[in-house]
Amino acid sequence: MAGKRARCAASSSRSCAEDRRITISPGDPLPHLLRAAVCVHDSYEDGFAYAPAEALACGVPVIVSEDTGMKDLVDPAAPGRSSRPAT
């Protein structure tokens, strides 16, 4: 578990360094969600994730992977899409 956590932290740090629009902030996500234009949740292992559900509750469009349970939350008539992960 520690190795997976370290790899995730390293990947997050690289993403933040490469693109200034990507930030990681501790605490309540609500202020960030209210400013967001879109929420991308490209996981391929989550059955259900709270981040996309919270984004939808804030009126933020989401992009989720079709390989998770989150695709059932995205209404095709509303802003938001599900996508197939690259193989």
C-alpha atoms as a PDB file:
ATOM      1  CA  MET A   1       0.000   0.000   0.000  1.00  0.00           C
ATOM      2  CA  ALA A   2       2.829   2.413   0.801  1.00  0.00           C
ATOM      3  CA  GLY A   3       4.338   1.897  -2.668  1.00  0.00           C
ATOM      4  CA  LYS A   4       1.014   2.593  -4.369  1.00  0.00           C
ATOM      5  CA  ARG A   5       0.540   5.736  -2.272  1.00  0.00           C
ATOM      6  CA  ALA A   6       4.054   6.938  -3.140  1.00  0.00           C
ATOM      7  CA  ARG A   7       3.482   6.342  -6.872  1.00  0.00           C
ATOM      8  CA  CYS A   8       0.176   8.227  -6.691  1.00  0.00           C
ATOM      9  CA  ALA A   9       1.819  11.150  -4.872  1.00  0.00           C
ATOM     10  CA  ALA A  10       4.671  11.243  -7.405  1.00  0.00           C
ATOM     11  CA  SER A  11       2.222  11.183 -10.331  1.00  0.00           C
ATOM     12  CA  SER A  12       0.156  13.956  -8.769  1.00  0.00           C
ATOM     13  CA  SER A  13       3.250  16.071  -8.177  1.00  0.00           C
ATOM     14  CA  ARG A  14       4.376  15.624 -11.797  1.00  0.00           C
ATOM     15  CA  SER A  15       0.907  16.580 -13.071  1.00  0.00           C
ATOM     16  CA  CYS A  16       0.876  19.727 -10.936  1.00  0.00           C
ATOM     17  CA  ALA A  17       4.363  20.669 -12.111  1.00  0.00           C
ATOM     18  CA  GLU A  18       3.498  20.133 -15.786  1.00  0.00           C
ATOM     19  CA  ASP A  19       0.183  22.000 -15.758  1.00  0.00           C
ATOM     20  CA  ARG A  20      -0.380  24.956 -13.411  1.00  0.00           C
ATOM     21  CA  ARG A  21      -4.155  24.489 -13.742  1.00  0.00           C
ATOM     22  CA  ILE A  22      -3.918  21.255 -11.749  1.00  0.00           C
ATOM     23  CA  THR A  23      -3.795  21.771  -8.005  1.00  0.00           C
ATOM     24  CA  ILE A  24      -4.149  19.560  -4.960  1.00  0.00           C
ATOM     25  CA  SER A  25      -5.658  21.193  -1.917  1.00  0.00           C
ATOM     26  CA  PRO A  26      -6.541  19.627   1.421  1.00  0.00           C
ATOM     27  CA  GLY A  27      -9.889  20.258   3.020  1.00  0.00           C
ATOM     28  CA  ASP A  28     -13.407  20.846   1.794  1.00  0.00           C
ATOM     29  CA  PRO A  29     -13.750  20.365  -1.995  1.00  0.00           C
ATOM     30  CA  LEU A  30     -16.913  22.495  -2.277  1.00  0.00           C
ATOM     31  CA  PRO A  31     -15.211  25.848  -3.008  1.00  0.00           C
ATOM     32  CA  HIS A  32     -13.131  24.165  -5.712  1.00  0.00           C
ATOM     33  CA  LEU A  33     -16.111  22.386  -7.236  1.00  0.00           C
ATOM     34  CA  LEU A  34     -18.084  25.605  -7.405  1.00  0.00           C
ATOM     35  CA  ARG A  35     -15.270  27.160  -9.495  1.00  0.00           C
ATOM     36  CA  ALA A  36     -14.718  24.103 -11.708  1.00  0.00           C
ATOM     37  CA  ALA A  37     -15.694  24.026 -15.367  1.00  0.00           C
ATOM     38  CA  VAL A  38     -15.566  20.217 -15.533  1.00  0.00           C
ATOM     39  CA  CYS A  39     -14.678  17.243 -13.327  1.00  0.00           C
ATOM     40  CA  VAL A  40     -12.694  14.439 -14.990  1.00  0.00           C
ATOM     41  CA  HIS A  41     -12.692  11.120 -13.142  1.00  0.00           C
ATOM     42  CA  ASP A  42     -10.885   8.625 -15.361  1.00  0.00           C
ATOM     43  CA  SER A  43     -10.585   5.793 -12.874  1.00  0.00           C
ATOM     44  CA  TYR A  44     -10.869   2.227 -14.082  1.00  0.00           C
ATOM     45  CA  GLU A  45     -11.214   0.558 -10.673  1.00  0.00           C
ATOM     46  CA  ASP A  46     -13.821   2.538  -8.700  1.00  0.00           C
ATOM     47  CA  GLY A  47     -17.292   1.096  -8.354  1.00  0.00           C
ATOM     48  CA  PHE A  48     -18.639   4.399  -7.096  1.00  0.00           C
ATOM     49  CA  ALA A  49     -16.674   7.558  -6.408  1.00  0.00           C
ATOM     50  CA  TYR A  50     -17.866  10.548  -4.431  1.00  0.00           C
ATOM     51  CA  ALA A  51     -15.950  13.224  -6.365  1.00  0.00           C
ATOM     52  CA  PRO A  52     -18.042  12.952  -9.565  1.00  0.00           C
ATOM     53  CA  ALA A  53     -21.251  12.688  -7.549  1.00  0.00           C
ATOM     54  CA  GLU A  54     -20.335  15.821  -5.602  1.00  0.00           C
ATOM     55  CA  ALA A  55     -19.462  17.628  -8.839  1.00  0.00           C
ATOM     56  CA  LEU A  56     -22.823  16.711 -10.364  1.00  0.00           C
ATOM     57  CA  ALA A  57     -24.561  17.925  -7.218  1.00  0.00           C
ATOM     58  CA  CYS A  58     -22.816  21.279  -7.732  1.00  0.00           C
ATOM     59  CA  GLY A  59     -23.924  21.418 -11.362  1.00  0.00           C
ATOM     60  CA  VAL A  60     -20.448  20.688 -12.731  1.00  0.00           C
ATOM     61  CA  PRO A  61     -20.337  18.452 -15.837  1.00  0.00           C
ATOM     62  CA  VAL A  62     -18.351  15.254 -15.361  1.00  0.00           C
ATOM     63  CA  ILE A  63     -16.384  12.908 -17.577  1.00  0.00           C
ATOM     64  CA  VAL A  64     -16.146   9.383 -16.171  1.00  0.00           C
ATOM     65  CA  SER A  65     -14.880   6.035 -17.379  1.00  0.00           C
ATOM     66  CA  GLU A  66     -17.401   3.543 -18.759  1.00  0.00           C
ATOM     67  CA  ASP A  67     -15.635   0.788 -16.830  1.00  0.00           C
ATOM     68  CA  THR A  68     -16.914   1.973 -13.434  1.00  0.00           C
ATOM     69  CA  GLY A  69     -20.265   2.326 -11.725  1.00  0.00           C
ATOM     70  CA  MET A  70     -20.037   6.080 -12.196  1.00  0.00           C
ATOM     71  CA  LYS A  71     -21.322   5.802 -15.777  1.00  0.00           C
ATOM     72  CA  ASP A  72     -24.778   5.110 -14.314  1.00  0.00           C
ATOM     73  CA  LEU A  73     -24.749   8.502 -12.618  1.00  0.00           C
ATOM     74  CA  VAL A  74     -24.136  10.479 -15.803  1.00  0.00           C
ATOM     75  CA  ASP A  75     -27.380  11.453 -17.514  1.00  0.00           C
ATOM     76  CA  PRO A  76     -26.889  11.524 -21.302  1.00  0.00           C
ATOM     77  CA  ALA A  77     -29.340  14.449 -21.517  1.00  0.00           C
ATOM     78  CA  ALA A  78     -27.326  16.515 -19.015  1.00  0.00           C
ATOM     79  CA  PRO A  79     -23.802  17.906 -19.289  1.00  0.00           C
ATOM     80  CA  GLY A  80     -21.355  15.091 -18.722  1.00  0.00           C
ATOM     81  CA  ARG A  81     -20.077  12.070 -20.575  1.00  0.00           C
ATOM     82  CA  SER A  82     -18.672   8.627 -20.027  1.00  0.00           C
ATOM     83  CA  SER A  83     -15.673   7.461 -22.025  1.00  0.00           C
ATOM     84  CA  ARG A  84     -13.825   4.269 -22.721  1.00  0.00           C
ATOM     85  CA  PRO A  85     -10.327   4.170 -21.253  1.00  0.00           C
ATOM     86  CA  ALA A  86      -7.450   3.956 -23.721  1.00  0.00           C
ATOM     87  CA  THR A  87      -5.979   0.486 -24.044  1.00  0.00           C
END
